[in-house]
């Protein structure tokens, strides 16, 4: 389990942000929720590599930090929806920039060997 956000050091805002956003899947989850409300199964399908247990854990942490709102509908079968809060939406441009950078990195830099320069293309 992660440490409390309140325990994050005051001297470094990046460490504080990483305490909230750190985790392999949190930014991917936030990126999916930018487009609107999603049910658990929809999120699981859009991020197929994440386990159900990890998705549950990451969503709980995002909810506890005020980035995601969880709404339970009392019906049979129960329906649970997740949506970004206003605080969560404050990260919209950041998630878009990271998505753009990740695509660029995958297409450009990853093809290169960081120690010897660009890889030859076949």
PDB file of N, CA and C in Angstrom:
ATOM      1  N   UNK A   1       0.836  -1.188   0.000  1.00  0.00           N
ATOM      2  CA  UNK A   1       0.000   0.000   0.000  1.00  0.00           C
ATOM      3  C   UNK A   1       0.872   1.240   0.000  1.00  0.00           C
ATOM      4  N   UNK A   2       0.438   2.258  -0.671  1.00  0.00           N
ATOM      5  CA  UNK A   2       1.231   3.485  -0.759  1.00  0.00           C
ATOM      6  C   UNK A   2       1.110   4.302   0.511  1.00  0.00           C
ATOM      7  N   UNK A   3       2.029   5.237   0.667  1.00  0.00           N
ATOM      8  CA  UNK A   3       1.960   6.130   1.819  1.00  0.00           C
ATOM      9  C   UNK A   3       0.903   7.198   1.579  1.00  0.00           C
ATOM     10  N   UNK A   4       0.539   7.891   2.610  1.00  0.00           N
ATOM     11  CA  UNK A   4      -0.488   8.920   2.533  1.00  0.00           C
ATOM     12  C   UNK A   4       0.032  10.154   1.799  1.00  0.00           C
ATOM     13  N   UNK A   5      -0.851  10.789   1.050  1.00  0.00           N
ATOM     14  CA  UNK A   5      -0.492  12.026   0.350  1.00  0.00           C
ATOM     15  C   UNK A   5      -0.045  13.084   1.355  1.00  0.00           C
ATOM     16  N   UNK A   6      -0.659  13.059   2.522  1.00  0.00           N
ATOM     17  CA  UNK A   6      -0.299  14.032   3.545  1.00  0.00           C
ATOM     18  C   UNK A   6       1.143  13.856   4.018  1.00  0.00           C
ATOM     19  N   UNK A   7       1.703  12.662   3.834  1.00  0.00           N
ATOM     20  CA  UNK A   7       3.079  12.390   4.250  1.00  0.00           C
ATOM     21  C   UNK A   7       4.113  12.795   3.195  1.00  0.00           C
ATOM     22  N   UNK A   8       3.651  13.234   2.022  1.00  0.00           N
ATOM     23  CA  UNK A   8       4.586  13.621   0.962  1.00  0.00           C
ATOM     24  C   UNK A   8       5.365  14.871   1.394  1.00  0.00           C
ATOM     25  N   UNK A   9       6.631  14.941   1.006  1.00  0.00           N
ATOM     26  CA  UNK A   9       7.457  16.076   1.430  1.00  0.00           C
ATOM     27  C   UNK A   9       6.986  17.397   0.823  1.00  0.00           C
ATOM     28  N   UNK A  10       7.122  18.466   1.584  1.00  0.00           N
ATOM     29  CA  UNK A  10       6.732  19.793   1.108  1.00  0.00           C
ATOM     30  C   UNK A  10       7.788  20.417   0.202  1.00  0.00           C
ATOM     31  N   UNK A  11       9.008  19.931   0.281  1.00  0.00           N
ATOM     32  CA  UNK A  11      10.099  20.571  -0.442  1.00  0.00           C
ATOM     33  C   UNK A  11      10.127  20.268  -1.932  1.00  0.00           C
ATOM     34  N   UNK A  12       9.351  19.305  -2.384  1.00  0.00           N
ATOM     35  CA  UNK A  12       9.402  18.955  -3.802  1.00  0.00           C
ATOM     36  C   UNK A  12       7.998  18.662  -4.322  1.00  0.00           C
ATOM     37  N   UNK A  13       7.481  19.563  -5.132  1.00  0.00           N
ATOM     38  CA  UNK A  13       6.127  19.402  -5.660  1.00  0.00           C
ATOM     39  C   UNK A  13       6.025  18.203  -6.597  1.00  0.00           C
ATOM     40  N   UNK A  14       7.101  17.843  -7.275  1.00  0.00           N
ATOM     41  CA  UNK A  14       7.067  16.685  -8.169  1.00  0.00           C
ATOM     42  C   UNK A  14       6.880  15.408  -7.360  1.00  0.00           C
ATOM     43  N   UNK A  15       7.551  15.299  -6.230  1.00  0.00           N
ATOM     44  CA  UNK A  15       7.352  14.124  -5.388  1.00  0.00           C
ATOM     45  C   UNK A  15       5.903  14.053  -4.912  1.00  0.00           C
ATOM     46  N   UNK A  16       5.336  15.192  -4.590  1.00  0.00           N
ATOM     47  CA  UNK A  16       3.940  15.239  -4.155  1.00  0.00           C
ATOM     48  C   UNK A  16       3.030  14.774  -5.296  1.00  0.00           C
ATOM     49  N   UNK A  17       3.264  15.289  -6.497  1.00  0.00           N
ATOM     50  CA  UNK A  17       2.461  14.894  -7.660  1.00  0.00           C
ATOM     51  C   UNK A  17       2.631  13.404  -7.949  1.00  0.00           C
ATOM     52  N   UNK A  18       3.839  12.898  -7.824  1.00  0.00           N
ATOM     53  CA  UNK A  18       4.078  11.477  -8.081  1.00  0.00           C
ATOM     54  C   UNK A  18       3.417  10.595  -7.029  1.00  0.00           C
ATOM     55  N   UNK A  19       3.287  11.099  -5.824  1.00  0.00           N
ATOM     56  CA  UNK A  19       2.581  10.348  -4.787  1.00  0.00           C
ATOM     57  C   UNK A  19       1.112  10.159  -5.179  1.00  0.00           C
ATOM     58  N   UNK A  20       0.536  11.183  -5.803  1.00  0.00           N
ATOM     59  CA  UNK A  20      -0.865  11.116  -6.222  1.00  0.00           C
ATOM     60  C   UNK A  20      -1.005  10.360  -7.543  1.00  0.00           C
ATOM     61  N   UNK A  21      -0.127  10.638  -8.512  1.00  0.00           N
ATOM     62  CA  UNK A  21      -0.272  10.088  -9.861  1.00  0.00           C
ATOM     63  C   UNK A  21       0.596   8.873 -10.124  1.00  0.00           C
ATOM     64  N   UNK A  22       1.499   8.568  -9.192  1.00  0.00           N
ATOM     65  CA  UNK A  22       2.406   7.445  -9.392  1.00  0.00           C
ATOM     66  C   UNK A  22       1.643   6.133  -9.468  1.00  0.00           C
ATOM     67  N   UNK A  23       2.200   5.231 -10.182  1.00  0.00           N
ATOM     68  CA  UNK A  23       1.540   3.949 -10.419  1.00  0.00           C
ATOM     69  C   UNK A  23       1.450   3.751 -11.910  1.00  0.00           C
ATOM     70  N   UNK A  24       1.638   2.539 -12.313  1.00  0.00           N
ATOM     71  CA  UNK A  24       1.704   2.243 -13.734  1.00  0.00           C
ATOM     72  C   UNK A  24       0.426   2.617 -14.485  1.00  0.00           C
ATOM     73  N   UNK A  25      -0.705   2.537 -13.838  1.00  0.00           N
ATOM     74  CA  UNK A  25      -1.978   2.638 -14.558  1.00  0.00           C
ATOM     75  C   UNK A  25      -2.774   3.910 -14.325  1.00  0.00           C
ATOM     76  N   UNK A  26      -2.424   4.699 -13.345  1.00  0.00           N
ATOM     77  CA  UNK A  26      -3.273   5.842 -12.988  1.00  0.00           C
ATOM     78  C   UNK A  26      -3.471   6.821 -14.138  1.00  0.00           C
ATOM     79  N   UNK A  27      -2.411   7.190 -14.806  1.00  0.00           N
ATOM     80  CA  UNK A  27      -2.557   8.150 -15.900  1.00  0.00           C
ATOM     81  C   UNK A  27      -3.342   7.549 -17.066  1.00  0.00           C
ATOM     82  N   UNK A  28      -3.193   6.258 -17.309  1.00  0.00           N
ATOM     83  CA  UNK A  28      -3.975   5.596 -18.358  1.00  0.00           C
ATOM     84  C   UNK A  28      -5.463   5.614 -18.002  1.00  0.00           C
ATOM     85  N   UNK A  29      -5.767   5.394 -16.741  1.00  0.00           N
ATOM     86  CA  UNK A  29      -7.160   5.446 -16.285  1.00  0.00           C
ATOM     87  C   UNK A  29      -7.707   6.859 -16.445  1.00  0.00           C
ATOM     88  N   UNK A  30      -6.939   7.844 -16.006  1.00  0.00           N
ATOM     89  CA  UNK A  30      -7.373   9.237 -16.142  1.00  0.00           C
ATOM     90  C   UNK A  30      -7.587   9.602 -17.600  1.00  0.00           C
ATOM     91  N   UNK A  31      -6.703   9.147 -18.479  1.00  0.00           N
ATOM     92  CA  UNK A  31      -6.828   9.432 -19.907  1.00  0.00           C
ATOM     93  C   UNK A  31      -8.145   8.884 -20.453  1.00  0.00           C
ATOM     94  N   UNK A  32      -8.537   7.698 -20.020  1.00  0.00           N
ATOM     95  CA  UNK A  32      -9.805   7.117 -20.468  1.00  0.00           C
ATOM     96  C   UNK A  32     -10.999   7.909 -19.947  1.00  0.00           C
ATOM     97  N   UNK A  33     -10.897   8.388 -18.707  1.00  0.00           N
ATOM     98  CA  UNK A  33     -12.021   9.108 -18.093  1.00  0.00           C
ATOM     99  C   UNK A  33     -12.166  10.539 -18.600  1.00  0.00           C
ATOM    100  N   UNK A  34     -11.166  11.054 -19.307  1.00  0.00           N
ATOM    101  CA  UNK A  34     -11.269  12.401 -19.876  1.00  0.00           C
ATOM    102  C   UNK A  34     -12.462  12.469 -20.831  1.00  0.00           C
ATOM    103  N   UNK A  35     -12.723  11.370 -21.535  1.00  0.00           N
ATOM    104  CA  UNK A  35     -13.799  11.371 -22.526  1.00  0.00           C
ATOM    105  C   UNK A  35     -15.188  11.267 -21.901  1.00  0.00           C
ATOM    106  N   UNK A  36     -15.253  10.963 -20.602  1.00  0.00           N
ATOM    107  CA  UNK A  36     -16.548  10.895 -19.952  1.00  0.00           C
ATOM    108  C   UNK A  36     -16.626   9.757 -18.949  1.00  0.00           C
ATOM    109  N   UNK A  37     -17.828   9.517 -18.479  1.00  0.00           N
ATOM    110  CA  UNK A  37     -18.093   8.501 -17.468  1.00  0.00           C
ATOM    111  C   UNK A  37     -17.940   7.104 -18.062  1.00  0.00           C
ATOM    112  N   UNK A  38     -17.324   6.211 -17.281  1.00  0.00           N
ATOM    113  CA  UNK A  38     -17.154   4.819 -17.706  1.00  0.00           C
ATOM    114  C   UNK A  38     -17.494   3.882 -16.559  1.00  0.00           C
ATOM    115  N   UNK A  39     -17.998   2.729 -16.925  1.00  0.00           N
ATOM    116  CA  UNK A  39     -18.210   1.661 -15.956  1.00  0.00           C
ATOM    117  C   UNK A  39     -16.919   0.872 -15.819  1.00  0.00           C
ATOM    118  N   UNK A  40     -16.824   0.095 -14.748  1.00  0.00           N
ATOM    119  CA  UNK A  40     -15.614  -0.670 -14.460  1.00  0.00           C
ATOM    120  C   UNK A  40     -15.228  -1.559 -15.647  1.00  0.00           C
ATOM    121  N   UNK A  41     -16.195  -2.294 -16.176  1.00  0.00           N
ATOM    122  CA  UNK A  41     -15.923  -3.207 -17.298  1.00  0.00           C
ATOM    123  C   UNK A  41     -15.421  -2.487 -18.530  1.00  0.00           C
ATOM    124  N   UNK A  42     -15.934  -1.285 -18.781  1.00  0.00           N
ATOM    125  CA  UNK A  42     -15.466  -0.499 -19.924  1.00  0.00           C
ATOM    126  C   UNK A  42     -14.000  -0.117 -19.733  1.00  0.00           C
ATOM    127  N   UNK A  43     -13.654   0.318 -18.525  1.00  0.00           N
ATOM    128  CA  UNK A  43     -12.258   0.663 -18.252  1.00  0.00           C
ATOM    129  C   UNK A  43     -11.368  -0.557 -18.414  1.00  0.00           C
ATOM    130  N   UNK A  44     -11.820  -1.694 -17.920  1.00  0.00           N
ATOM    131  CA  UNK A  44     -11.034  -2.930 -18.030  1.00  0.00           C
ATOM    132  C   UNK A  44     -10.803  -3.294 -19.491  1.00  0.00           C
ATOM    133  N   UNK A  45     -11.811  -3.117 -20.333  1.00  0.00           N
ATOM    134  CA  UNK A  45     -11.664  -3.438 -21.759  1.00  0.00           C
ATOM    135  C   UNK A  45     -10.736  -2.466 -22.478  1.00  0.00           C
ATOM    136  N   UNK A  46     -10.734  -1.199 -22.071  1.00  0.00           N
ATOM    137  CA  UNK A  46      -9.873  -0.221 -22.748  1.00  0.00           C
ATOM    138  C   UNK A  46      -8.429  -0.302 -22.299  1.00  0.00           C
ATOM    139  N   UNK A  47      -8.184  -0.944 -21.152  1.00  0.00           N
ATOM    140  CA  UNK A  47      -6.822  -1.148 -20.645  1.00  0.00           C
ATOM    141  C   UNK A  47      -6.675  -2.651 -20.381  1.00  0.00           C
ATOM    142  N   UNK A  48      -6.591  -3.470 -21.427  1.00  0.00           N
ATOM    143  CA  UNK A  48      -6.659  -4.916 -21.246  1.00  0.00           C
ATOM    144  C   UNK A  48      -5.519  -5.526 -20.435  1.00  0.00           C
ATOM    145  N   UNK A  49      -4.369  -4.876 -20.362  1.00  0.00           N
ATOM    146  CA  UNK A  49      -3.232  -5.458 -19.636  1.00  0.00           C
ATOM    147  C   UNK A  49      -3.358  -5.327 -18.118  1.00  0.00           C
ATOM    148  N   UNK A  50      -4.259  -4.489 -17.644  1.00  0.00           N
ATOM    149  CA  UNK A  50      -4.413  -4.290 -16.200  1.00  0.00           C
ATOM    150  C   UNK A  50      -5.273  -5.418 -15.619  1.00  0.00           C
ATOM    151  N   UNK A  51      -4.906  -5.877 -14.433  1.00  0.00           N
ATOM    152  CA  UNK A  51      -5.727  -6.890 -13.771  1.00  0.00           C
ATOM    153  C   UNK A  51      -6.914  -6.226 -13.096  1.00  0.00           C
ATOM    154  N   UNK A  52      -7.935  -7.004 -12.828  1.00  0.00           N
ATOM    155  CA  UNK A  52      -9.129  -6.480 -12.152  1.00  0.00           C
ATOM    156  C   UNK A  52      -8.758  -5.942 -10.774  1.00  0.00           C
ATOM    157  N   UNK A  53      -7.907  -6.667 -10.075  1.00  0.00           N
ATOM    158  CA  UNK A  53      -7.480  -6.246  -8.734  1.00  0.00           C
ATOM    159  C   UNK A  53      -6.740  -4.906  -8.781  1.00  0.00           C
ATOM    160  N   UNK A  54      -5.835  -4.753  -9.756  1.00  0.00           N
ATOM    161  CA  UNK A  54      -5.067  -3.515  -9.848  1.00  0.00           C
ATOM    162  C   UNK A  54      -5.958  -2.350 -10.276  1.00  0.00           C
ATOM    163  N   UNK A  55      -6.886  -2.583 -11.186  1.00  0.00           N
ATOM    164  CA  UNK A  55      -7.805  -1.525 -11.592  1.00  0.00           C
ATOM    165  C   UNK A  55      -8.622  -1.062 -10.394  1.00  0.00           C
ATOM    166  N   UNK A  56      -9.111  -1.988  -9.607  1.00  0.00           N
ATOM    167  CA  UNK A  56      -9.865  -1.642  -8.400  1.00  0.00           C
ATOM    168  C   UNK A  56      -9.006  -0.805  -7.459  1.00  0.00           C
ATOM    169  N   UNK A  57      -7.791  -1.238  -7.238  1.00  0.00           N
ATOM    170  CA  UNK A  57      -6.888  -0.535  -6.316  1.00  0.00           C
ATOM    171  C   UNK A  57      -6.570   0.881  -6.797  1.00  0.00           C
ATOM    172  N   UNK A  58      -6.255   1.003  -8.089  1.00  0.00           N
ATOM    173  CA  UNK A  58      -5.910   2.313  -8.630  1.00  0.00           C
ATOM    174  C   UNK A  58      -7.111   3.257  -8.604  1.00  0.00           C
ATOM    175  N   UNK A  59      -8.287   2.739  -8.920  1.00  0.00           N
ATOM    176  CA  UNK A  59      -9.497   3.567  -8.862  1.00  0.00           C
ATOM    177  C   UNK A  59      -9.783   4.023  -7.438  1.00  0.00           C
ATOM    178  N   UNK A  60      -9.586   3.148  -6.463  1.00  0.00           N
ATOM    179  CA  UNK A  60      -9.802   3.534  -5.060  1.00  0.00           C
ATOM    180  C   UNK A  60      -8.843   4.644  -4.641  1.00  0.00           C
ATOM    181  N   UNK A  61      -7.590   4.538  -5.054  1.00  0.00           N
ATOM    182  CA  UNK A  61      -6.615   5.572  -4.712  1.00  0.00           C
ATOM    183  C   UNK A  61      -6.955   6.888  -5.401  1.00  0.00           C
ATOM    184  N   UNK A  62      -7.349   6.832  -6.662  1.00  0.00           N
ATOM    185  CA  UNK A  62      -7.738   8.052  -7.377  1.00  0.00           C
ATOM    186  C   UNK A  62      -8.970   8.689  -6.736  1.00  0.00           C
ATOM    187  N   UNK A  63      -9.889   7.860  -6.280  1.00  0.00           N
ATOM    188  CA  UNK A  63     -11.079   8.366  -5.585  1.00  0.00           C
ATOM    189  C   UNK A  63     -10.687   8.992  -4.251  1.00  0.00           C
ATOM    190  N   UNK A  64      -9.821   8.325  -3.506  1.00  0.00           N
ATOM    191  CA  UNK A  64      -9.388   8.848  -2.203  1.00  0.00           C
ATOM    192  C   UNK A  64      -8.656  10.177  -2.347  1.00  0.00           C
ATOM    193  N   UNK A  65      -7.965  10.374  -3.464  1.00  0.00           N
ATOM    194  CA  UNK A  65      -7.231  11.616  -3.704  1.00  0.00           C
ATOM    195  C   UNK A  65      -8.097  12.688  -4.356  1.00  0.00           C
ATOM    196  N   UNK A  66      -9.373  12.388  -4.593  1.00  0.00           N
ATOM    197  CA  UNK A  66     -10.297  13.391  -5.113  1.00  0.00           C
ATOM    198  C   UNK A  66     -10.234  13.613  -6.608  1.00  0.00           C
ATOM    199  N   UNK A  67      -9.644  12.683  -7.353  1.00  0.00           N
ATOM    200  CA  UNK A  67      -9.543  12.840  -8.802  1.00  0.00           C
ATOM    201  C   UNK A  67     -10.686  12.148  -9.536  1.00  0.00           C
ATOM    202  N   UNK A  68     -11.239  11.118  -8.920  1.00  0.00           N
ATOM    203  CA  UNK A  68     -12.290  10.317  -9.545  1.00  0.00           C
ATOM    204  C   UNK A  68     -13.474  10.226  -8.588  1.00  0.00           C
ATOM    205  N   UNK A  69     -14.665  10.294  -9.160  1.00  0.00           N
ATOM    206  CA  UNK A  69     -15.892  10.123  -8.392  1.00  0.00           C
ATOM    207  C   UNK A  69     -16.498   8.769  -8.764  1.00  0.00           C
ATOM    208  N   UNK A  70     -16.834   8.002  -7.754  1.00  0.00           N
ATOM    209  CA  UNK A  70     -17.452   6.680  -7.930  1.00  0.00           C
ATOM    210  C   UNK A  70     -18.925   6.805  -7.562  1.00  0.00           C
ATOM    211  N   UNK A  71     -19.789   6.417  -8.490  1.00  0.00           N
ATOM    212  CA  UNK A  71     -21.229   6.480  -8.242  1.00  0.00           C
ATOM    213  C   UNK A  71     -21.802   5.073  -8.325  1.00  0.00           C
ATOM    214  N   UNK A  72     -22.470   4.663  -7.239  1.00  0.00           N
ATOM    215  CA  UNK A  72     -23.089   3.337  -7.183  1.00  0.00           C
ATOM    216  C   UNK A  72     -24.592   3.518  -7.349  1.00  0.00           C
ATOM    217  N   UNK A  73     -25.161   2.801  -8.309  1.00  0.00           N
ATOM    218  CA  UNK A  73     -26.597   2.825  -8.535  1.00  0.00           C
ATOM    219  C   UNK A  73     -27.198   1.579  -7.913  1.00  0.00           C
ATOM    220  N   UNK A  74     -28.162   1.778  -7.026  1.00  0.00           N
ATOM    221  CA  UNK A  74     -28.805   0.673  -6.307  1.00  0.00           C
ATOM    222  C   UNK A  74     -29.848   0.021  -7.203  1.00  0.00           C
ATOM    223  N   UNK A  75     -29.381  -0.858  -8.052  1.00  0.00           N
ATOM    224  CA  UNK A  75     -30.272  -1.594  -8.935  1.00  0.00           C
ATOM    225  C   UNK A  75     -29.723  -3.007  -9.068  1.00  0.00           C
ATOM    226  N   UNK A  76     -30.474  -3.884  -9.684  1.00  0.00           N
ATOM    227  CA  UNK A  76     -30.045  -5.263  -9.862  1.00  0.00           C
ATOM    228  C   UNK A  76     -29.869  -5.506 -11.351  1.00  0.00           C
ATOM    229  N   UNK A  77     -28.667  -5.885 -11.786  1.00  0.00           N
ATOM    230  CA  UNK A  77     -27.425  -5.965 -11.013  1.00  0.00           C
ATOM    231  C   UNK A  77     -26.913  -4.562 -10.694  1.00  0.00           C
ATOM    232  N   UNK A  78     -26.091  -4.448  -9.641  1.00  0.00           N
ATOM    233  CA  UNK A  78     -25.565  -3.131  -9.265  1.00  0.00           C
ATOM    234  C   UNK A  78     -24.746  -2.525 -10.403  1.00  0.00           C
ATOM    235  N   UNK A  79     -24.853  -1.225 -10.547  1.00  0.00           N
ATOM    236  CA  UNK A  79     -24.106  -0.506 -11.575  1.00  0.00           C
ATOM    237  C   UNK A  79     -23.222   0.513 -10.876  1.00  0.00           C
ATOM    238  N   UNK A  80     -21.945   0.534 -11.249  1.00  0.00           N
ATOM    239  CA  UNK A  80     -20.992   1.484 -10.685  1.00  0.00           C
ATOM    240  C   UNK A  80     -20.347   2.239 -11.835  1.00  0.00           C
ATOM    241  N   UNK A  81     -20.317   3.558 -11.726  1.00  0.00           N
ATOM    242  CA  UNK A  81     -19.715   4.398 -12.767  1.00  0.00           C
ATOM    243  C   UNK A  81     -18.624   5.267 -12.156  1.00  0.00           C
ATOM    244  N   UNK A  82     -17.634   5.546 -12.981  1.00  0.00           N
ATOM    245  CA  UNK A  82     -16.509   6.383 -12.573  1.00  0.00           C
ATOM    246  C   UNK A  82     -16.430   7.578 -13.504  1.00  0.00           C
ATOM    247  N   UNK A  83     -16.207   8.741 -12.918  1.00  0.00           N
ATOM    248  CA  UNK A  83     -16.067   9.966 -13.690  1.00  0.00           C
ATOM    249  C   UNK A  83     -15.017  10.842 -13.025  1.00  0.00           C
ATOM    250  N   UNK A  84     -14.417  11.728 -13.802  1.00  0.00           N
ATOM    251  CA  UNK A  84     -13.437  12.645 -13.243  1.00  0.00           C
ATOM    252  C   UNK A  84     -14.127  13.752 -12.458  1.00  0.00           C
ATOM    253  N   UNK A  85     -13.523  14.145 -11.365  1.00  0.00           N
ATOM    254  CA  UNK A  85     -13.972  15.326 -10.627  1.00  0.00           C
ATOM    255  C   UNK A  85     -13.374  16.556 -11.306  1.00  0.00           C
ATOM    256  N   UNK A  86     -13.687  17.729 -10.811  1.00  0.00           N
ATOM    257  CA  UNK A  86     -13.060  18.946 -11.349  1.00  0.00           C
ATOM    258  C   UNK A  86     -11.547  18.899 -11.163  1.00  0.00           C
ATOM    259  N   UNK A  87     -11.112  18.368 -10.022  1.00  0.00           N
ATOM    260  CA  UNK A  87      -9.674  18.226  -9.775  1.00  0.00           C
ATOM    261  C   UNK A  87      -9.072  17.252 -10.787  1.00  0.00           C
ATOM    262  N   UNK A  88      -9.765  16.167 -11.066  1.00  0.00           N
ATOM    263  CA  UNK A  88      -9.297  15.215 -12.069  1.00  0.00           C
ATOM    264  C   UNK A  88      -9.213  15.834 -13.448  1.00  0.00           C
ATOM    265  N   UNK A  89     -10.221  16.659 -13.790  1.00  0.00           N
ATOM    266  CA  UNK A  89     -10.206  17.333 -15.097  1.00  0.00           C
ATOM    267  C   UNK A  89      -9.079  18.356 -15.201  1.00  0.00           C
ATOM    268  N   UNK A  90      -8.536  18.798 -14.080  1.00  0.00           N
ATOM    269  CA  UNK A  90      -7.410  19.736 -14.159  1.00  0.00           C
ATOM    270  C   UNK A  90      -6.178  19.075 -14.783  1.00  0.00           C
ATOM    271  N   UNK A  91      -6.211  17.749 -14.903  1.00  0.00           N
ATOM    272  CA  UNK A  91      -5.093  17.006 -15.500  1.00  0.00           C
ATOM    273  C   UNK A  91      -5.326  16.678 -16.976  1.00  0.00           C
ATOM    274  N   UNK A  92      -6.422  17.148 -17.564  1.00  0.00           N
ATOM    275  CA  UNK A  92      -6.737  16.827 -18.958  1.00  0.00           C
ATOM    276  C   UNK A  92      -5.591  17.163 -19.904  1.00  0.00           C
ATOM    277  N   UNK A  93      -5.074  18.374 -19.824  1.00  0.00           N
ATOM    278  CA  UNK A  93      -4.007  18.764 -20.756  1.00  0.00           C
ATOM    279  C   UNK A  93      -2.726  17.984 -20.490  1.00  0.00           C
ATOM    280  N   UNK A  94      -2.466  17.677 -19.228  1.00  0.00           N
ATOM    281  CA  UNK A  94      -1.268  16.897 -18.889  1.00  0.00           C
ATOM    282  C   UNK A  94      -1.354  15.490 -19.472  1.00  0.00           C
ATOM    283  N   UNK A  95      -2.504  14.836 -19.330  1.00  0.00           N
ATOM    284  CA  UNK A  95      -2.636  13.483 -19.873  1.00  0.00           C
ATOM    285  C   UNK A  95      -2.549  13.500 -21.397  1.00  0.00           C
ATOM    286  N   UNK A  96      -3.096  14.530 -22.026  1.00  0.00           N
ATOM    287  CA  UNK A  96      -3.006  14.645 -23.488  1.00  0.00           C
ATOM    288  C   UNK A  96      -1.560  14.852 -23.927  1.00  0.00           C
ATOM    289  N   UNK A  97      -0.836  15.718 -23.216  1.00  0.00           N
ATOM    290  CA  UNK A  97       0.575  15.942 -23.544  1.00  0.00           C
ATOM    291  C   UNK A  97       1.398  14.675 -23.357  1.00  0.00           C
ATOM    292  N   UNK A  98       1.155  13.934 -22.282  1.00  0.00           N
ATOM    293  CA  UNK A  98       1.884  12.689 -22.056  1.00  0.00           C
ATOM    294  C   UNK A  98       1.536  11.637 -23.107  1.00  0.00           C
ATOM    295  N   UNK A  99       0.285  11.595 -23.533  1.00  0.00           N
ATOM    296  CA  UNK A  99      -0.120  10.677 -24.591  1.00  0.00           C
ATOM    297  C   UNK A  99       0.612  11.019 -25.888  1.00  0.00           C
ATOM    298  N   UNK A 100       0.651  12.291 -26.222  1.00  0.00           N
ATOM    299  CA  UNK A 100       1.354  12.743 -27.430  1.00  0.00           C
ATOM    300  C   UNK A 100       2.837  12.425 -27.336  1.00  0.00           C
ATOM    301  N   UNK A 101       3.439  12.706 -26.191  1.00  0.00           N
ATOM    302  CA  UNK A 101       4.863  12.425 -26.006  1.00  0.00           C
ATOM    303  C   UNK A 101       5.140  10.924 -26.100  1.00  0.00           C
ATOM    304  N   UNK A 102       4.287  10.110 -25.494  1.00  0.00           N
ATOM    305  CA  UNK A 102       4.459   8.660 -25.543  1.00  0.00           C
ATOM    306  C   UNK A 102       4.407   8.124 -26.962  1.00  0.00           C
ATOM    307  N   UNK A 103       3.486   8.647 -27.760  1.00  0.00           N
ATOM    308  CA  UNK A 103       3.409   8.234 -29.173  1.00  0.00           C
ATOM    309  C   UNK A 103       4.672   8.648 -29.917  1.00  0.00           C
ATOM    310  N   UNK A 104       5.119   9.883 -29.698  1.00  0.00           N
ATOM    311  CA  UNK A 104       6.350  10.361 -30.334  1.00  0.00           C
ATOM    312  C   UNK A 104       7.545   9.501 -29.917  1.00  0.00           C
ATOM    313  N   UNK A 105       7.653   9.226 -28.642  1.00  0.00           N
ATOM    314  CA  UNK A 105       8.774   8.438 -28.131  1.00  0.00           C
ATOM    315  C   UNK A 105       8.774   7.039 -28.737  1.00  0.00           C
ATOM    316  N   UNK A 106       7.608   6.419 -28.764  1.00  0.00           N
ATOM    317  CA  UNK A 106       7.495   5.069 -29.327  1.00  0.00           C
ATOM    318  C   UNK A 106       7.903   5.048 -30.794  1.00  0.00           C
ATOM    319  N   UNK A 107       7.494   6.050 -31.553  1.00  0.00           N
ATOM    320  CA  UNK A 107       7.769   6.077 -32.991  1.00  0.00           C
ATOM    321  C   UNK A 107       9.167   6.572 -33.342  1.00  0.00           C
ATOM    322  N   UNK A 108       9.767   7.392 -32.505  1.00  0.00           N
ATOM    323  CA  UNK A 108      11.035   8.027 -32.852  1.00  0.00           C
ATOM    324  C   UNK A 108      12.196   7.523 -32.016  1.00  0.00           C
ATOM    325  N   UNK A 109      12.185   7.821 -30.770  1.00  0.00           N
ATOM    326  CA  UNK A 109      13.329   7.561 -29.909  1.00  0.00           C
ATOM    327  C   UNK A 109      13.508   6.076 -29.642  1.00  0.00           C
ATOM    328  N   UNK A 110      12.443   5.353 -29.450  1.00  0.00           N
ATOM    329  CA  UNK A 110      12.560   3.942 -29.110  1.00  0.00           C
ATOM    330  C   UNK A 110      13.209   3.144 -30.229  1.00  0.00           C
ATOM    331  N   UNK A 111      13.120   3.628 -31.438  1.00  0.00           N
ATOM    332  CA  UNK A 111      13.764   2.959 -32.568  1.00  0.00           C
ATOM    333  C   UNK A 111      15.272   3.161 -32.561  1.00  0.00           C
ATOM    334  N   UNK A 112      15.714   4.082 -31.753  1.00  0.00           N
ATOM    335  CA  UNK A 112      17.137   4.382 -31.669  1.00  0.00           C
ATOM    336  C   UNK A 112      17.746   3.702 -30.455  1.00  0.00           C
ATOM    337  N   UNK A 113      19.010   3.328 -30.561  1.00  0.00           N
ATOM    338  CA  UNK A 113      19.765   2.814 -29.420  1.00  0.00           C
ATOM    339  C   UNK A 113      20.348   4.029 -28.720  1.00  0.00           C
ATOM    340  N   UNK A 114      19.977   4.294 -27.463  1.00  0.00           N
ATOM    341  CA  UNK A 114      20.436   5.506 -26.802  1.00  0.00           C
ATOM    342  C   UNK A 114      21.954   5.611 -26.688  1.00  0.00           C
ATOM    343  N   UNK A 115      22.664   4.484 -26.766  1.00  0.00           N
ATOM    344  CA  UNK A 115      24.121   4.533 -26.632  1.00  0.00           C
ATOM    345  C   UNK A 115      24.839   4.682 -27.978  1.00  0.00           C
ATOM    346  N   UNK A 116      24.245   4.161 -29.034  1.00  0.00           N
ATOM    347  CA  UNK A 116      24.958   4.197 -30.318  1.00  0.00           C
ATOM    348  C   UNK A 116      24.250   4.957 -31.404  1.00  0.00           C
ATOM    349  N   UNK A 117      23.135   5.588 -31.123  1.00  0.00           N
ATOM    350  CA  UNK A 117      22.448   6.388 -32.119  1.00  0.00           C
ATOM    351  C   UNK A 117      21.325   5.616 -32.785  1.00  0.00           C
ATOM    352  N   UNK A 118      20.845   6.112 -33.928  1.00  0.00           N
ATOM    353  CA  UNK A 118      19.699   5.497 -34.588  1.00  0.00           C
ATOM    354  C   UNK A 118      19.989   4.068 -35.029  1.00  0.00           C
ATOM    355  N   UNK A 119      18.954   3.234 -34.956  1.00  0.00           N
ATOM    356  CA  UNK A 119      19.052   1.867 -35.442  1.00  0.00           C
ATOM    357  C   UNK A 119      18.870   1.856 -36.946  1.00  0.00           C
ATOM    358  N   UNK A 120      19.573   1.002 -37.643  1.00  0.00           N
ATOM    359  CA  UNK A 120      19.359   0.931 -39.095  1.00  0.00           C
ATOM    360  C   UNK A 120      17.981   0.374 -39.391  1.00  0.00           C
ATOM    361  N   UNK A 121      17.324   0.919 -40.405  1.00  0.00           N
ATOM    362  CA  UNK A 121      16.029   0.412 -40.791  1.00  0.00           C
ATOM    363  C   UNK A 121      16.208  -0.677 -41.817  1.00  0.00           C
ATOM    364  N   UNK A 122      15.368  -1.683 -41.752  1.00  0.00           N
ATOM    365  CA  UNK A 122      15.508  -2.836 -42.656  1.00  0.00           C
ATOM    366  C   UNK A 122      14.815  -2.602 -43.961  1.00  0.00           C
TER     367      UNK A 122
END
